[in-house]
Amino acid sequence: MNMAIPSIEVLKLVGGYRDEAVVVASSRVLQEWVQISKRRDLDVDLLDCVDKTVDVALGITIAKPDLKVLVLDSSSALRTNPNAMMTTGNICPRNMIHFLFEDIGHGSTGGVLIPGLDQKDFASQARNFGYRSVYEFEDLETMDLSLEGLFEDEGPIFVLIKVFHDPKPLAPLSGNMHASLRRVRDTLAMV
């Protein structure tokens, strides 16, 4: 039997270690993240191109190598653009942590089962593509005990977390990637 963590609890843990990191998020994970983020001025919201989460984050890691960049990705989005993992492994940004929310209940797709998604081994892909470290979590306590060290490691780091989303519908978000990138750029210019 698969164990899993409520995705909102994972996000609360990540938020506790975030500090001044830029967060790039999409899909259902983004909808939950906006509820708990304490630094929306450093959040890049990918409402209009959910399969480009890793690509956008990679661009930020290259432009700002001294800034930690967190990717909050979903398995349903990453499956449409797995080459982003290969590019990340090749470029090897030391400042990236790629969190992949592997949704065991398919809530990020509205409960629709995507054929073959259950068979994807994203952790092995990350290892094969050259991520420096790969972690897998399916219980909150183990993840909590590991996060401090994980945030101190050198990237790129891949963190696969087996999650389930709260089934209640969330309010739709508005905006676009361009506006959120401008907000983050303006915030970083003031630092």
Protein backbone atom coordinates (compact mmCIF):
# COMPACT_ATOMS: atom_id res chain seq x y z
CA MET A 1 0.00 0.00 0.00
CA ASN A 2 1.35 3.42 -0.96
CA MET A 3 1.76 5.99 1.73
CA ALA A 4 1.41 9.64 0.92
CA ILE A 5 1.49 13.06 2.55
CA PRO A 6 -1.17 15.79 2.29
CA SER A 7 0.34 18.19 -0.24
CA ILE A 8 -0.52 21.26 1.83
CA GLU A 9 1.55 19.85 4.73
CA VAL A 10 4.53 19.39 2.41
CA LEU A 11 4.17 22.98 1.25
CA LYS A 12 4.09 24.23 4.86
CA LEU A 13 7.37 22.42 5.54
CA VAL A 14 8.99 23.80 2.39
CA GLY A 15 7.71 27.27 3.23
CA GLY A 16 9.40 27.04 6.62
CA TYR A 17 12.82 26.59 4.97
CA ARG A 18 12.25 28.87 2.00
CA ASP A 19 13.92 32.02 3.37
CA GLU A 20 14.63 34.34 0.38
CA ALA A 21 14.34 31.69 -2.33
CA VAL A 22 12.41 32.30 -5.53
CA VAL A 23 9.62 29.73 -5.92
CA VAL A 24 8.37 28.65 -9.35
CA ALA A 25 5.10 26.72 -9.15
CA SER A 26 2.28 25.49 -11.36
CA SER A 27 -0.85 23.37 -11.41
CA ARG A 28 -2.69 22.33 -8.27
CA VAL A 29 0.52 22.80 -6.28
CA LEU A 30 0.48 26.52 -7.16
CA GLN A 31 -3.14 26.85 -6.05
CA GLU A 32 -2.19 25.42 -2.66
CA TRP A 33 1.10 27.33 -2.44
CA VAL A 34 -0.58 30.74 -2.73
CA GLN A 35 -2.53 29.90 0.44
CA ILE A 36 0.62 29.58 2.54
CA SER A 37 3.38 31.57 0.83
CA LYS A 38 4.68 34.40 2.97
CA ARG A 39 6.73 35.89 0.11
CA ARG A 40 4.38 36.21 -2.86
CA ASP A 41 6.76 38.89 -4.15
CA LEU A 42 9.26 36.06 -4.83
CA ASP A 43 6.77 33.60 -6.36
CA VAL A 44 6.60 32.92 -10.09
CA ASP A 45 3.13 31.63 -10.97
CA LEU A 46 2.88 29.49 -14.07
CA LEU A 47 -0.81 29.60 -14.81
CA ASP A 48 -0.44 29.80 -18.55
CA CYS A 49 2.36 27.28 -19.21
CA VAL A 50 2.26 24.61 -16.50
CA ASP A 51 4.62 22.23 -18.31
CA LYS A 52 7.41 24.83 -18.33
CA THR A 53 7.94 25.03 -14.56
CA VAL A 54 11.43 23.53 -14.66
CA ASP A 55 12.43 25.54 -17.74
CA VAL A 56 11.47 28.87 -16.17
CA ALA A 57 13.22 27.96 -12.91
CA LEU A 58 16.33 26.92 -14.82
CA GLY A 59 16.46 30.32 -16.51
CA ILE A 60 16.27 32.02 -13.12
CA THR A 61 19.07 29.82 -11.71
CA ILE A 62 21.31 30.85 -14.59
CA ALA A 63 20.45 34.57 -14.29
CA LYS A 64 20.79 34.58 -10.48
CA PRO A 65 23.35 31.89 -9.50
CA ASP A 66 23.61 33.17 -5.91
CA LEU A 67 19.87 32.87 -5.32
CA LYS A 68 18.18 29.62 -4.27
CA VAL A 69 15.40 28.61 -6.67
CA LEU A 70 12.70 26.13 -5.67
CA VAL A 71 10.58 24.32 -8.25
CA LEU A 72 7.16 23.14 -7.07
CA ASP A 73 6.22 20.74 -9.84
CA SER A 74 3.54 18.11 -10.36
CA SER A 75 3.93 14.68 -11.92
CA SER A 76 1.12 15.39 -14.38
CA ALA A 77 2.94 18.51 -15.67
CA LEU A 78 6.46 17.04 -15.70
CA ARG A 79 5.39 14.04 -17.75
CA THR A 80 4.70 16.40 -20.67
CA ASN A 81 8.20 17.90 -20.55
CA PRO A 82 10.69 15.35 -19.16
CA ASN A 83 13.49 16.84 -21.28
CA ALA A 84 13.61 19.74 -18.83
CA MET A 85 15.12 17.29 -16.33
CA MET A 86 17.82 16.34 -18.84
CA THR A 87 18.67 19.99 -19.47
CA THR A 88 18.81 20.64 -15.72
CA GLY A 89 21.19 17.71 -15.23
CA ASN A 90 23.41 18.95 -18.05
CA ILE A 91 23.57 22.55 -16.83
CA CYS A 92 23.77 21.40 -13.21
CA PRO A 93 22.62 24.57 -11.39
CA ARG A 94 23.95 24.46 -7.85
CA ASN A 95 21.11 26.67 -6.60
CA MET A 96 18.06 24.59 -7.67
CA ILE A 97 15.84 22.28 -5.65
CA HIS A 98 13.20 20.54 -7.78
CA PHE A 99 10.28 19.30 -5.68
CA LEU A 100 8.05 16.91 -7.60
CA PHE A 101 4.61 16.29 -6.10
CA GLU A 102 3.72 12.79 -7.27
CA ASP A 103 -0.04 12.80 -6.89
CA ILE A 104 -1.22 9.30 -5.93
CA GLY A 105 -4.87 10.36 -6.09
CA HIS A 106 -4.64 12.14 -9.45
CA GLY A 107 -6.15 15.28 -7.90
CA SER A 108 -3.89 17.50 -9.99
CA THR A 109 -5.67 16.20 -13.08
CA GLY A 110 -9.16 16.50 -11.63
CA GLY A 111 -9.12 12.82 -10.68
CA VAL A 112 -8.53 11.71 -14.27
CA LEU A 113 -6.05 8.85 -14.46
CA ILE A 114 -3.33 9.54 -17.02
CA PRO A 115 -2.39 6.22 -18.64
CA GLY A 116 1.17 5.22 -17.80
CA LEU A 117 1.77 7.98 -15.26
CA ASP A 118 1.82 5.43 -12.43
CA GLN A 119 4.68 3.62 -14.20
CA LYS A 120 6.97 6.66 -14.46
CA ASP A 121 10.03 6.54 -12.24
CA PHE A 122 10.94 10.21 -12.00
CA ALA A 123 13.57 9.61 -9.27
CA SER A 124 15.51 7.23 -11.52
CA GLN A 125 15.20 9.69 -14.38
CA ALA A 126 16.64 12.45 -12.20
CA ARG A 127 19.60 10.23 -11.26
CA ASN A 128 20.17 9.25 -14.88
CA PHE A 129 19.93 12.84 -16.07
CA GLY A 130 22.61 14.05 -13.64
CA TYR A 131 20.89 15.63 -10.63
CA ARG A 132 23.48 15.70 -7.81
CA SER A 133 21.10 14.37 -5.16
CA VAL A 134 17.77 12.57 -5.29
CA TYR A 135 15.42 12.18 -2.34
CA GLU A 136 12.11 10.35 -2.06
CA PHE A 137 9.54 10.88 0.68
CA GLU A 138 6.18 9.35 1.46
CA ASP A 139 5.87 10.30 5.10
CA LEU A 140 5.95 13.74 6.68
CA GLU A 141 8.21 12.93 9.63
CA THR A 142 11.07 11.61 7.49
CA MET A 143 10.78 14.57 5.18
CA ASP A 144 10.76 17.02 8.09
CA LEU A 145 13.93 15.46 9.50
CA SER A 146 15.69 15.69 6.13
CA LEU A 147 14.77 19.17 4.90
CA GLU A 148 17.35 21.22 6.77
CA GLY A 149 20.24 19.22 5.34
CA LEU A 150 18.61 19.07 1.95
CA PHE A 151 18.36 22.88 1.80
CA GLU A 152 22.08 23.10 2.62
CA ASP A 153 23.12 20.66 -0.14
CA GLU A 154 24.39 21.72 -3.54
CA GLY A 155 22.01 21.32 -6.44
CA PRO A 156 20.49 20.39 -8.60
CA ILE A 157 18.50 18.41 -6.06
CA PHE A 158 15.44 16.36 -6.99
CA VAL A 159 12.88 15.65 -4.28
CA LEU A 160 10.02 13.28 -5.12
CA ILE A 161 7.17 13.41 -2.64
CA LYS A 162 4.18 11.10 -2.79
CA VAL A 163 1.22 13.33 -2.03
CA PHE A 164 -2.52 13.60 -2.16
CA HIS A 165 -4.45 16.83 -2.54
CA ASP A 166 -7.45 17.95 -0.54
CA PRO A 167 -10.41 17.08 -2.78
CA LYS A 168 -12.25 20.34 -2.15
CA PRO A 169 -12.09 22.73 -5.11
CA LEU A 170 -9.80 25.73 -4.78
CA ALA A 171 -10.53 29.20 -6.04
CA PRO A 172 -9.19 29.75 -9.54
CA LEU A 173 -6.14 31.95 -9.82
CA SER A 174 -5.74 34.88 -12.15
CA GLY A 175 -2.68 36.45 -13.71
CA ASN A 176 0.09 35.11 -15.89
CA MET A 177 3.73 34.16 -15.83
CA HIS A 178 4.88 37.47 -17.30
CA ALA A 179 3.26 39.53 -14.54
CA SER A 180 4.63 37.32 -11.77
CA LEU A 181 8.15 37.35 -13.28
CA ARG A 182 7.99 41.15 -13.41
CA ARG A 183 6.95 41.21 -9.73
CA VAL A 184 9.89 38.95 -8.77
CA ARG A 185 12.34 40.96 -10.90
CA ASP A 186 11.21 44.19 -9.23
CA THR A 187 11.57 42.63 -5.77
CA LEU A 188 15.08 41.36 -6.53
CA ALA A 189 16.09 44.76 -7.90
CA MET A 190 15.34 46.30 -4.49
CA VAL A 191 17.55 43.83 -2.63
